[in-house]
C-alpha cells in the first residue's frame, strides 16, 4: 500500500513586494544580510534602485582608484611577475 500522508509538504515562498526585492538586491550587492538593512525598509523601490546604482558607481570608482594606486606602488620590473602570480592563483 502507498501511504499518501507521508508525502513531503511543498512550502510556498512568500511573495516579496518590489521594495523588499530592491532591499534584498541591495543587501546582496553590499554582501550584507537583508536584516542589517532594515533602516532602509521605508524607502520606495525607486529610491532603493537609485541607492543601489550609487553604491555600484562608488564601488567601481574605488576599484579604479585602488588599481591605479597599486599600479604606481609596484615598480615596473615587478609588475609582470606579481600580476602573473596573482592571475595564476585565481
PDB file of N, CA and C in Angstrom:
ATOM      1  N   UNK A   1       0.826  -1.186   0.000  1.00  0.00           N
ATOM      2  CA  UNK A   1       0.000   0.000   0.000  1.00  0.00           C
ATOM      3  C   UNK A   1       0.873   1.254   0.000  1.00  0.00           C
ATOM      4  N   UNK A   2       0.417   2.248  -0.704  1.00  0.00           N
ATOM      5  CA  UNK A   2       1.119   3.527  -0.767  1.00  0.00           C
ATOM      6  C   UNK A   2       0.454   4.478   0.217  1.00  0.00           C
ATOM      7  N   UNK A   3       1.272   5.028   1.078  1.00  0.00           N
ATOM      8  CA  UNK A   3       0.747   5.974   2.056  1.00  0.00           C
ATOM      9  C   UNK A   3       0.858   7.384   1.506  1.00  0.00           C
ATOM     10  N   UNK A   4      -0.242   8.067   1.483  1.00  0.00           N
ATOM     11  CA  UNK A   4      -0.242   9.434   0.953  1.00  0.00           C
ATOM     12  C   UNK A   4       0.029  10.468   2.042  1.00  0.00           C
ATOM     13  N   UNK A   5      -0.055  10.080   3.286  1.00  0.00           N
ATOM     14  CA  UNK A   5       0.144  11.015   4.388  1.00  0.00           C
ATOM     15  C   UNK A   5       1.604  11.373   4.604  1.00  0.00           C
ATOM     16  N   UNK A   6       2.546  10.599   4.049  1.00  0.00           N
ATOM     17  CA  UNK A   6       3.963  10.845   4.269  1.00  0.00           C
ATOM     18  C   UNK A   6       4.621  11.627   3.146  1.00  0.00           C
ATOM     19  N   UNK A   7       3.848  12.134   2.220  1.00  0.00           N
ATOM     20  CA  UNK A   7       4.414  12.897   1.124  1.00  0.00           C
ATOM     21  C   UNK A   7       4.923  14.235   1.648  1.00  0.00           C
ATOM     22  N   UNK A   8       6.077  14.688   1.117  1.00  0.00           N
ATOM     23  CA  UNK A   8       6.620  15.958   1.609  1.00  0.00           C
ATOM     24  C   UNK A   8       5.700  17.119   1.268  1.00  0.00           C
ATOM     25  N   UNK A   9       5.585  18.016   2.195  1.00  0.00           N
ATOM     26  CA  UNK A   9       4.768  19.210   2.002  1.00  0.00           C
ATOM     27  C   UNK A   9       5.570  20.224   1.183  1.00  0.00           C
ATOM     28  N   UNK A  10       4.947  20.844   0.218  1.00  0.00           N
ATOM     29  CA  UNK A  10       5.587  21.891  -0.570  1.00  0.00           C
ATOM     30  C   UNK A  10       5.239  23.215   0.083  1.00  0.00           C
ATOM     31  N   UNK A  11       6.281  23.905   0.528  1.00  0.00           N
ATOM     32  CA  UNK A  11       6.050  25.199   1.165  1.00  0.00           C
ATOM     33  C   UNK A  11       6.077  26.288   0.103  1.00  0.00           C
ATOM     34  N   UNK A  12       5.113  27.147   0.188  1.00  0.00           N
ATOM     35  CA  UNK A  12       5.069  28.268  -0.742  1.00  0.00           C
ATOM     36  C   UNK A  12       5.988  29.367  -0.226  1.00  0.00           C
ATOM     37  N   UNK A  13       6.793  29.917  -1.129  1.00  0.00           N
ATOM     38  CA  UNK A  13       7.644  31.026  -0.737  1.00  0.00           C
ATOM     39  C   UNK A  13       6.809  32.294  -0.764  1.00  0.00           C
ATOM     40  N   UNK A  14       6.936  33.103   0.259  1.00  0.00           N
ATOM     41  CA  UNK A  14       6.127  34.332   0.286  1.00  0.00           C
ATOM     42  C   UNK A  14       6.545  35.281  -0.827  1.00  0.00           C
ATOM     43  N   UNK A  15       5.561  35.920  -1.424  1.00  0.00           N
ATOM     44  CA  UNK A  15       5.834  36.890  -2.483  1.00  0.00           C
ATOM     45  C   UNK A  15       6.356  38.171  -1.848  1.00  0.00           C
ATOM     46  N   UNK A  16       7.449  38.680  -2.391  1.00  0.00           N
ATOM     47  CA  UNK A  16       8.052  39.897  -1.867  1.00  0.00           C
ATOM     48  C   UNK A  16       7.537  41.106  -2.639  1.00  0.00           C
ATOM     49  N   UNK A  17       7.373  42.191  -1.914  1.00  0.00           N
ATOM     50  CA  UNK A  17       6.973  43.436  -2.568  1.00  0.00           C
ATOM     51  C   UNK A  17       8.158  43.958  -3.364  1.00  0.00           C
ATOM     52  N   UNK A  18       7.920  44.869  -4.307  1.00  0.00           N
ATOM     53  CA  UNK A  18       9.042  45.449  -5.061  1.00  0.00           C
ATOM     54  C   UNK A  18      10.085  46.100  -4.143  1.00  0.00           C
ATOM     55  N   UNK A  19       9.620  46.718  -3.053  1.00  0.00           N
ATOM     56  CA  UNK A  19      10.543  47.349  -2.117  1.00  0.00           C
ATOM     57  C   UNK A  19      11.410  46.290  -1.427  1.00  0.00           C
ATOM     58  N   UNK A  20      10.793  45.172  -1.029  1.00  0.00           N
ATOM     59  CA  UNK A  20      11.545  44.099  -0.380  1.00  0.00           C
ATOM     60  C   UNK A  20      12.544  43.471  -1.351  1.00  0.00           C
ATOM     61  N   UNK A  21      12.138  43.326  -2.610  1.00  0.00           N
ATOM     62  CA  UNK A  21      13.045  42.787  -3.614  1.00  0.00           C
ATOM     63  C   UNK A  21      14.231  43.722  -3.831  1.00  0.00           C
ATOM     64  N   UNK A  22      13.969  45.020  -3.907  1.00  0.00           N
ATOM     65  CA  UNK A  22      15.041  46.001  -4.095  1.00  0.00           C
ATOM     66  C   UNK A  22      15.976  46.011  -2.887  1.00  0.00           C
ATOM     67  N   UNK A  23      15.416  45.869  -1.697  1.00  0.00           N
ATOM     68  CA  UNK A  23      16.227  45.830  -0.482  1.00  0.00           C
ATOM     69  C   UNK A  23      17.104  44.577  -0.452  1.00  0.00           C
ATOM     70  N   UNK A  24      16.552  43.445  -0.882  1.00  0.00           N
ATOM     71  CA  UNK A  24      17.348  42.213  -0.945  1.00  0.00           C
ATOM     72  C   UNK A  24      18.463  42.349  -1.979  1.00  0.00           C
ATOM     73  N   UNK A  25      18.167  42.973  -3.105  1.00  0.00           N
ATOM     74  CA  UNK A  25      19.191  43.179  -4.145  1.00  0.00           C
ATOM     75  C   UNK A  25      20.324  44.043  -3.607  1.00  0.00           C
ATOM     76  N   UNK A  26      19.978  45.109  -2.886  1.00  0.00           N
ATOM     77  CA  UNK A  26      20.978  45.978  -2.300  1.00  0.00           C
ATOM     78  C   UNK A  26      21.817  45.213  -1.269  1.00  0.00           C
ATOM     79  N   UNK A  27      21.180  44.399  -0.470  1.00  0.00           N
ATOM     80  CA  UNK A  27      21.902  43.603   0.533  1.00  0.00           C
ATOM     81  C   UNK A  27      22.890  42.653  -0.131  1.00  0.00           C
ATOM     82  N   UNK A  28      22.491  42.059  -1.238  1.00  0.00           N
ATOM     83  CA  UNK A  28      23.377  41.150  -1.970  1.00  0.00           C
ATOM     84  C   UNK A  28      24.571  41.928  -2.521  1.00  0.00           C
ATOM     85  N   UNK A  29      24.313  43.100  -3.098  1.00  0.00           N
ATOM     86  CA  UNK A  29      25.394  43.918  -3.653  1.00  0.00           C
ATOM     87  C   UNK A  29      26.382  44.351  -2.579  1.00  0.00           C
ATOM     88  N   UNK A  30      25.882  44.596  -1.372  1.00  0.00           N
ATOM     89  CA  UNK A  30      26.736  45.041  -0.272  1.00  0.00           C
ATOM     90  C   UNK A  30      27.325  43.865   0.511  1.00  0.00           C
ATOM     91  N   UNK A  31      26.950  42.656   0.136  1.00  0.00           N
ATOM     92  CA  UNK A  31      27.397  41.445   0.841  1.00  0.00           C
ATOM     93  C   UNK A  31      27.007  41.523   2.316  1.00  0.00           C
ATOM     94  N   UNK A  32      25.782  41.931   2.565  1.00  0.00           N
ATOM     95  CA  UNK A  32      25.255  42.061   3.917  1.00  0.00           C
ATOM     96  C   UNK A  32      23.967  41.259   4.014  1.00  0.00           C
ATOM     97  N   UNK A  33      23.635  40.777   5.208  1.00  0.00           N
ATOM     98  CA  UNK A  33      22.336  40.111   5.361  1.00  0.00           C
ATOM     99  C   UNK A  33      21.204  41.140   5.231  1.00  0.00           C
ATOM    100  N   UNK A  34      20.101  40.749   4.630  1.00  0.00           N
ATOM    101  CA  UNK A  34      18.996  41.709   4.446  1.00  0.00           C
ATOM    102  C   UNK A  34      18.521  42.338   5.759  1.00  0.00           C
ATOM    103  N   UNK A  35      18.613  41.605   6.861  1.00  0.00           N
ATOM    104  CA  UNK A  35      18.159  42.137   8.141  1.00  0.00           C
ATOM    105  C   UNK A  35      18.985  43.350   8.574  1.00  0.00           C
ATOM    106  N   UNK A  36      20.229  43.425   8.113  1.00  0.00           N
ATOM    107  CA  UNK A  36      21.080  44.548   8.524  1.00  0.00           C
ATOM    108  C   UNK A  36      20.684  45.854   7.829  1.00  0.00           C
ATOM    109  N   UNK A  37      19.818  45.774   6.841  1.00  0.00           N
ATOM    110  CA  UNK A  37      19.396  46.970   6.109  1.00  0.00           C
ATOM    111  C   UNK A  37      17.969  47.383   6.443  1.00  0.00           C
ATOM    112  N   UNK A  38      17.479  46.979   7.597  1.00  0.00           N
ATOM    113  CA  UNK A  38      16.098  47.309   7.961  1.00  0.00           C
ATOM    114  C   UNK A  38      15.870  48.814   8.077  1.00  0.00           C
ATOM    115  N   UNK A  39      16.923  49.568   8.331  1.00  0.00           N
ATOM    116  CA  UNK A  39      16.773  51.028   8.412  1.00  0.00           C
ATOM    117  C   UNK A  39      16.351  51.620   7.070  1.00  0.00           C
ATOM    118  N   UNK A  40      16.590  50.898   5.988  1.00  0.00           N
ATOM    119  CA  UNK A  40      16.227  51.379   4.655  1.00  0.00           C
ATOM    120  C   UNK A  40      14.865  50.851   4.197  1.00  0.00           C
ATOM    121  N   UNK A  41      14.168  50.120   5.047  1.00  0.00           N
ATOM    122  CA  UNK A  41      12.917  49.481   4.635  1.00  0.00           C
ATOM    123  C   UNK A  41      11.805  50.483   4.322  1.00  0.00           C
ATOM    124  N   UNK A  42      11.931  51.713   4.756  1.00  0.00           N
ATOM    125  CA  UNK A  42      10.905  52.720   4.476  1.00  0.00           C
ATOM    126  C   UNK A  42      11.061  53.343   3.088  1.00  0.00           C
ATOM    127  N   UNK A  43      12.174  53.057   2.406  1.00  0.00           N
ATOM    128  CA  UNK A  43      12.410  53.639   1.086  1.00  0.00           C
ATOM    129  C   UNK A  43      11.571  52.932   0.028  1.00  0.00           C
ATOM    130  N   UNK A  44      11.236  53.648  -1.014  1.00  0.00           N
ATOM    131  CA  UNK A  44      10.491  53.052  -2.123  1.00  0.00           C
ATOM    132  C   UNK A  44      11.449  52.246  -2.993  1.00  0.00           C
ATOM    133  N   UNK A  45      10.902  51.447  -3.877  1.00  0.00           N
ATOM    134  CA  UNK A  45      11.753  50.651  -4.761  1.00  0.00           C
ATOM    135  C   UNK A  45      12.575  51.554  -5.684  1.00  0.00           C
ATOM    136  N   UNK A  46      12.029  52.689  -6.097  1.00  0.00           N
ATOM    137  CA  UNK A  46      12.792  53.636  -6.927  1.00  0.00           C
ATOM    138  C   UNK A  46      13.966  54.226  -6.151  1.00  0.00           C
ATOM    139  N   UNK A  47      13.726  54.573  -4.903  1.00  0.00           N
ATOM    140  CA  UNK A  47      14.803  55.109  -4.069  1.00  0.00           C
ATOM    141  C   UNK A  47      15.874  54.047  -3.816  1.00  0.00           C
ATOM    142  N   UNK A  48      15.456  52.818  -3.592  1.00  0.00           N
ATOM    143  CA  UNK A  48      16.421  51.736  -3.385  1.00  0.00           C
ATOM    144  C   UNK A  48      17.207  51.448  -4.655  1.00  0.00           C
ATOM    145  N   UNK A  49      16.561  51.547  -5.809  1.00  0.00           N
ATOM    146  CA  UNK A  49      17.263  51.347  -7.076  1.00  0.00           C
ATOM    147  C   UNK A  49      18.302  52.446  -7.279  1.00  0.00           C
ATOM    148  N   UNK A  50      17.936  53.680  -6.953  1.00  0.00           N
ATOM    149  CA  UNK A  50      18.884  54.794  -7.050  1.00  0.00           C
ATOM    150  C   UNK A  50      20.067  54.564  -6.115  1.00  0.00           C
ATOM    151  N   UNK A  51      19.783  54.155  -4.883  1.00  0.00           N
ATOM    152  CA  UNK A  51      20.835  53.890  -3.904  1.00  0.00           C
ATOM    153  C   UNK A  51      21.741  52.766  -4.379  1.00  0.00           C
ATOM    154  N   UNK A  52      21.153  51.732  -4.930  1.00  0.00           N
ATOM    155  CA  UNK A  52      21.925  50.599  -5.452  1.00  0.00           C
ATOM    156  C   UNK A  52      22.838  51.046  -6.593  1.00  0.00           C
ATOM    157  N   UNK A  53      22.326  51.891  -7.475  1.00  0.00           N
ATOM    158  CA  UNK A  53      23.137  52.398  -8.584  1.00  0.00           C
ATOM    159  C   UNK A  53      24.296  53.240  -8.062  1.00  0.00           C
ATOM    160  N   UNK A  54      24.045  54.064  -7.048  1.00  0.00           N
ATOM    161  CA  UNK A  54      25.110  54.882  -6.454  1.00  0.00           C
ATOM    162  C   UNK A  54      26.170  54.002  -5.799  1.00  0.00           C
ATOM    163  N   UNK A  55      25.745  52.954  -5.109  1.00  0.00           N
ATOM    164  CA  UNK A  55      26.693  52.034  -4.470  1.00  0.00           C
ATOM    165  C   UNK A  55      27.562  51.375  -5.531  1.00  0.00           C
ATOM    166  N   UNK A  56      26.945  50.940  -6.616  1.00  0.00           N
ATOM    167  CA  UNK A  56      27.696  50.312  -7.705  1.00  0.00           C
ATOM    168  C   UNK A  56      28.703  51.288  -8.307  1.00  0.00           C
ATOM    169  N   UNK A  57      28.292  52.527  -8.533  1.00  0.00           N
ATOM    170  CA  UNK A  57      29.184  53.547  -9.084  1.00  0.00           C
ATOM    171  C   UNK A  57      30.359  53.817  -8.148  1.00  0.00           C
ATOM    172  N   UNK A  58      30.085  53.954  -6.877  1.00  0.00           N
ATOM    173  CA  UNK A  58      31.149  54.208  -5.897  1.00  0.00           C
ATOM    174  C   UNK A  58      32.109  53.028  -5.825  1.00  0.00           C
ATOM    175  N   UNK A  59      31.587  51.809  -5.883  1.00  0.00           N
ATOM    176  CA  UNK A  59      32.455  50.629  -5.864  1.00  0.00           C
ATOM    177  C   UNK A  59      33.365  50.597  -7.094  1.00  0.00           C
ATOM    178  N   UNK A  60      32.822  50.952  -8.250  1.00  0.00           N
ATOM    179  CA  UNK A  60      33.635  50.974  -9.464  1.00  0.00           C
ATOM    180  C   UNK A  60      34.724  52.039  -9.369  1.00  0.00           C
ATOM    181  N   UNK A  61      34.377  53.217  -8.863  1.00  0.00           N
ATOM    182  CA  UNK A  61      35.371  54.287  -8.701  1.00  0.00           C
ATOM    183  C   UNK A  61      36.465  53.872  -7.720  1.00  0.00           C
ATOM    184  N   UNK A  62      36.058  53.260  -6.619  1.00  0.00           N
ATOM    185  CA  UNK A  62      37.026  52.827  -5.611  1.00  0.00           C
ATOM    186  C   UNK A  62      37.944  51.741  -6.174  1.00  0.00           C
ATOM    187  N   UNK A  63      37.387  50.841  -6.961  1.00  0.00           N
ATOM    188  CA  UNK A  63      38.193  49.792  -7.590  1.00  0.00           C
ATOM    189  C   UNK A  63      39.225  50.403  -8.538  1.00  0.00           C
ATOM    190  N   UNK A  64      38.795  51.377  -9.333  1.00  0.00           N
ATOM    191  CA  UNK A  64      39.708  52.060 -10.254  1.00  0.00           C
ATOM    192  C   UNK A  64      40.808  52.786  -9.488  1.00  0.00           C
ATOM    193  N   UNK A  65      40.425  53.468  -8.420  1.00  0.00           N
ATOM    194  CA  UNK A  65      41.406  54.198  -7.621  1.00  0.00           C
ATOM    195  C   UNK A  65      42.432  53.248  -7.007  1.00  0.00           C
ATOM    196  N   UNK A  66      41.977  52.128  -6.472  1.00  0.00           N
ATOM    197  CA  UNK A  66      42.899  51.166  -5.869  1.00  0.00           C
ATOM    198  C   UNK A  66      43.827  50.549  -6.908  1.00  0.00           C
ATOM    199  N   UNK A  67      43.283  50.245  -8.081  1.00  0.00           N
ATOM    200  CA  UNK A  67      44.127  49.699  -9.146  1.00  0.00           C
ATOM    201  C   UNK A  67      45.214  50.697  -9.558  1.00  0.00           C
ATOM    202  N   UNK A  68      44.831  51.975  -9.659  1.00  0.00           N
ATOM    203  CA  UNK A  68      45.816  52.997 -10.017  1.00  0.00           C
ATOM    204  C   UNK A  68      46.888  53.138  -8.940  1.00  0.00           C
ATOM    205  N   UNK A  69      46.465  53.106  -7.677  1.00  0.00           N
ATOM    206  CA  UNK A  69      47.436  53.196  -6.584  1.00  0.00           C
ATOM    207  C   UNK A  69      48.394  52.005  -6.600  1.00  0.00           C
ATOM    208  N   UNK A  70      47.863  50.812  -6.836  1.00  0.00           N
ATOM    209  CA  UNK A  70      48.725  49.636  -6.924  1.00  0.00           C
ATOM    210  C   UNK A  70      49.676  49.748  -8.105  1.00  0.00           C
ATOM    211  N   UNK A  71      49.176  50.245  -9.213  1.00  0.00           N
ATOM    212  CA  UNK A  71      49.996  50.396 -10.408  1.00  0.00           C
ATOM    213  C   UNK A  71      51.188  51.313 -10.140  1.00  0.00           C
ATOM    214  N   UNK A  72      50.941  52.389  -9.384  1.00  0.00           N
ATOM    215  CA  UNK A  72      52.014  53.332  -9.072  1.00  0.00           C
ATOM    216  C   UNK A  72      52.922  52.820  -7.951  1.00  0.00           C
ATOM    217  N   UNK A  73      52.400  51.953  -7.082  1.00  0.00           N
ATOM    218  CA  UNK A  73      53.180  51.485  -5.933  1.00  0.00           C
ATOM    219  C   UNK A  73      54.147  50.362  -6.301  1.00  0.00           C
ATOM    220  N   UNK A  74      53.812  49.583  -7.332  1.00  0.00           N
ATOM    221  CA  UNK A  74      54.650  48.441  -7.710  1.00  0.00           C
ATOM    222  C   UNK A  74      55.640  48.883  -8.780  1.00  0.00           C
ATOM    223  N   UNK A  75      56.934  48.673  -8.537  1.00  0.00           N
ATOM    224  CA  UNK A  75      57.925  49.028  -9.564  1.00  0.00           C
ATOM    225  C   UNK A  75      57.640  48.300 -10.876  1.00  0.00           C
ATOM    226  N   UNK A  76      57.952  48.965 -11.976  1.00  0.00           N
ATOM    227  CA  UNK A  76      57.641  48.450 -13.303  1.00  0.00           C
ATOM    228  C   UNK A  76      58.186  47.031 -13.522  1.00  0.00           C
ATOM    229  N   UNK A  77      59.409  46.763 -13.086  1.00  0.00           N
ATOM    230  CA  UNK A  77      60.015  45.453 -13.353  1.00  0.00           C
ATOM    231  C   UNK A  77      59.370  44.335 -12.539  1.00  0.00           C
ATOM    232  N   UNK A  78      58.660  44.659 -11.464  1.00  0.00           N
ATOM    233  CA  UNK A  78      57.991  43.630 -10.662  1.00  0.00           C
ATOM    234  C   UNK A  78      56.534  43.404 -11.067  1.00  0.00           C
ATOM    235  N   UNK A  79      55.964  44.326 -11.819  1.00  0.00           N
ATOM    236  CA  UNK A  79      54.540  44.224 -12.170  1.00  0.00           C
ATOM    237  C   UNK A  79      54.209  42.924 -12.885  1.00  0.00           C
ATOM    238  N   UNK A  80      54.985  42.599 -13.929  1.00  0.00           N
ATOM    239  CA  UNK A  80      54.691  41.404 -14.719  1.00  0.00           C
ATOM    240  C   UNK A  80      54.770  40.156 -13.848  1.00  0.00           C
ATOM    241  N   UNK A  81      55.792  40.072 -12.992  1.00  0.00           N
ATOM    242  CA  UNK A  81      55.958  38.923 -12.107  1.00  0.00           C
ATOM    243  C   UNK A  81      54.791  38.815 -11.124  1.00  0.00           C
ATOM    244  N   UNK A  82      54.472  39.901 -10.452  1.00  0.00           N
ATOM    245  CA  UNK A  82      53.404  39.878  -9.460  1.00  0.00           C
ATOM    246  C   UNK A  82      52.037  39.651 -10.098  1.00  0.00           C
ATOM    247  N   UNK A  83      51.780  40.306 -11.208  1.00  0.00           N
ATOM    248  CA  UNK A  83      50.478  40.124 -11.874  1.00  0.00           C
ATOM    249  C   UNK A  83      50.330  38.696 -12.384  1.00  0.00           C
ATOM    250  N   UNK A  84      51.425  38.121 -12.885  1.00  0.00           N
ATOM    251  CA  UNK A  84      51.377  36.726 -13.339  1.00  0.00           C
ATOM    252  C   UNK A  84      51.061  35.785 -12.208  1.00  0.00           C
ATOM    253  N   UNK A  85      51.646  36.021 -11.050  1.00  0.00           N
ATOM    254  CA  UNK A  85      51.371  35.172  -9.875  1.00  0.00           C
ATOM    255  C   UNK A  85      49.932  35.351  -9.399  1.00  0.00           C
ATOM    256  N   UNK A  86      49.450  36.591  -9.384  1.00  0.00           N
ATOM    257  CA  UNK A  86      48.083  36.847  -8.943  1.00  0.00           C
ATOM    258  C   UNK A  86      47.071  36.200  -9.883  1.00  0.00           C
ATOM    259  N   UNK A  87      47.310  36.281 -11.160  1.00  0.00           N
ATOM    260  CA  UNK A  87      46.392  35.664 -12.134  1.00  0.00           C
ATOM    261  C   UNK A  87      46.465  34.153 -12.076  1.00  0.00           C
ATOM    262  N   UNK A  88      47.638  33.603 -11.801  1.00  0.00           N
ATOM    263  CA  UNK A  88      47.813  32.160 -11.722  1.00  0.00           C
ATOM    264  C   UNK A  88      47.164  31.540 -10.504  1.00  0.00           C
ATOM    265  N   UNK A  89      47.023  32.310  -9.420  1.00  0.00           N
ATOM    266  CA  UNK A  89      46.430  31.776  -8.186  1.00  0.00           C
ATOM    267  C   UNK A  89      44.917  31.818  -8.211  1.00  0.00           C
ATOM    268  N   UNK A  90      44.309  32.527  -9.145  1.00  0.00           N
ATOM    269  CA  UNK A  90      42.844  32.652  -9.209  1.00  0.00           C
ATOM    270  C   UNK A  90      42.203  31.398  -9.704  1.00  0.00           C
TER     271      UNK A  90
END
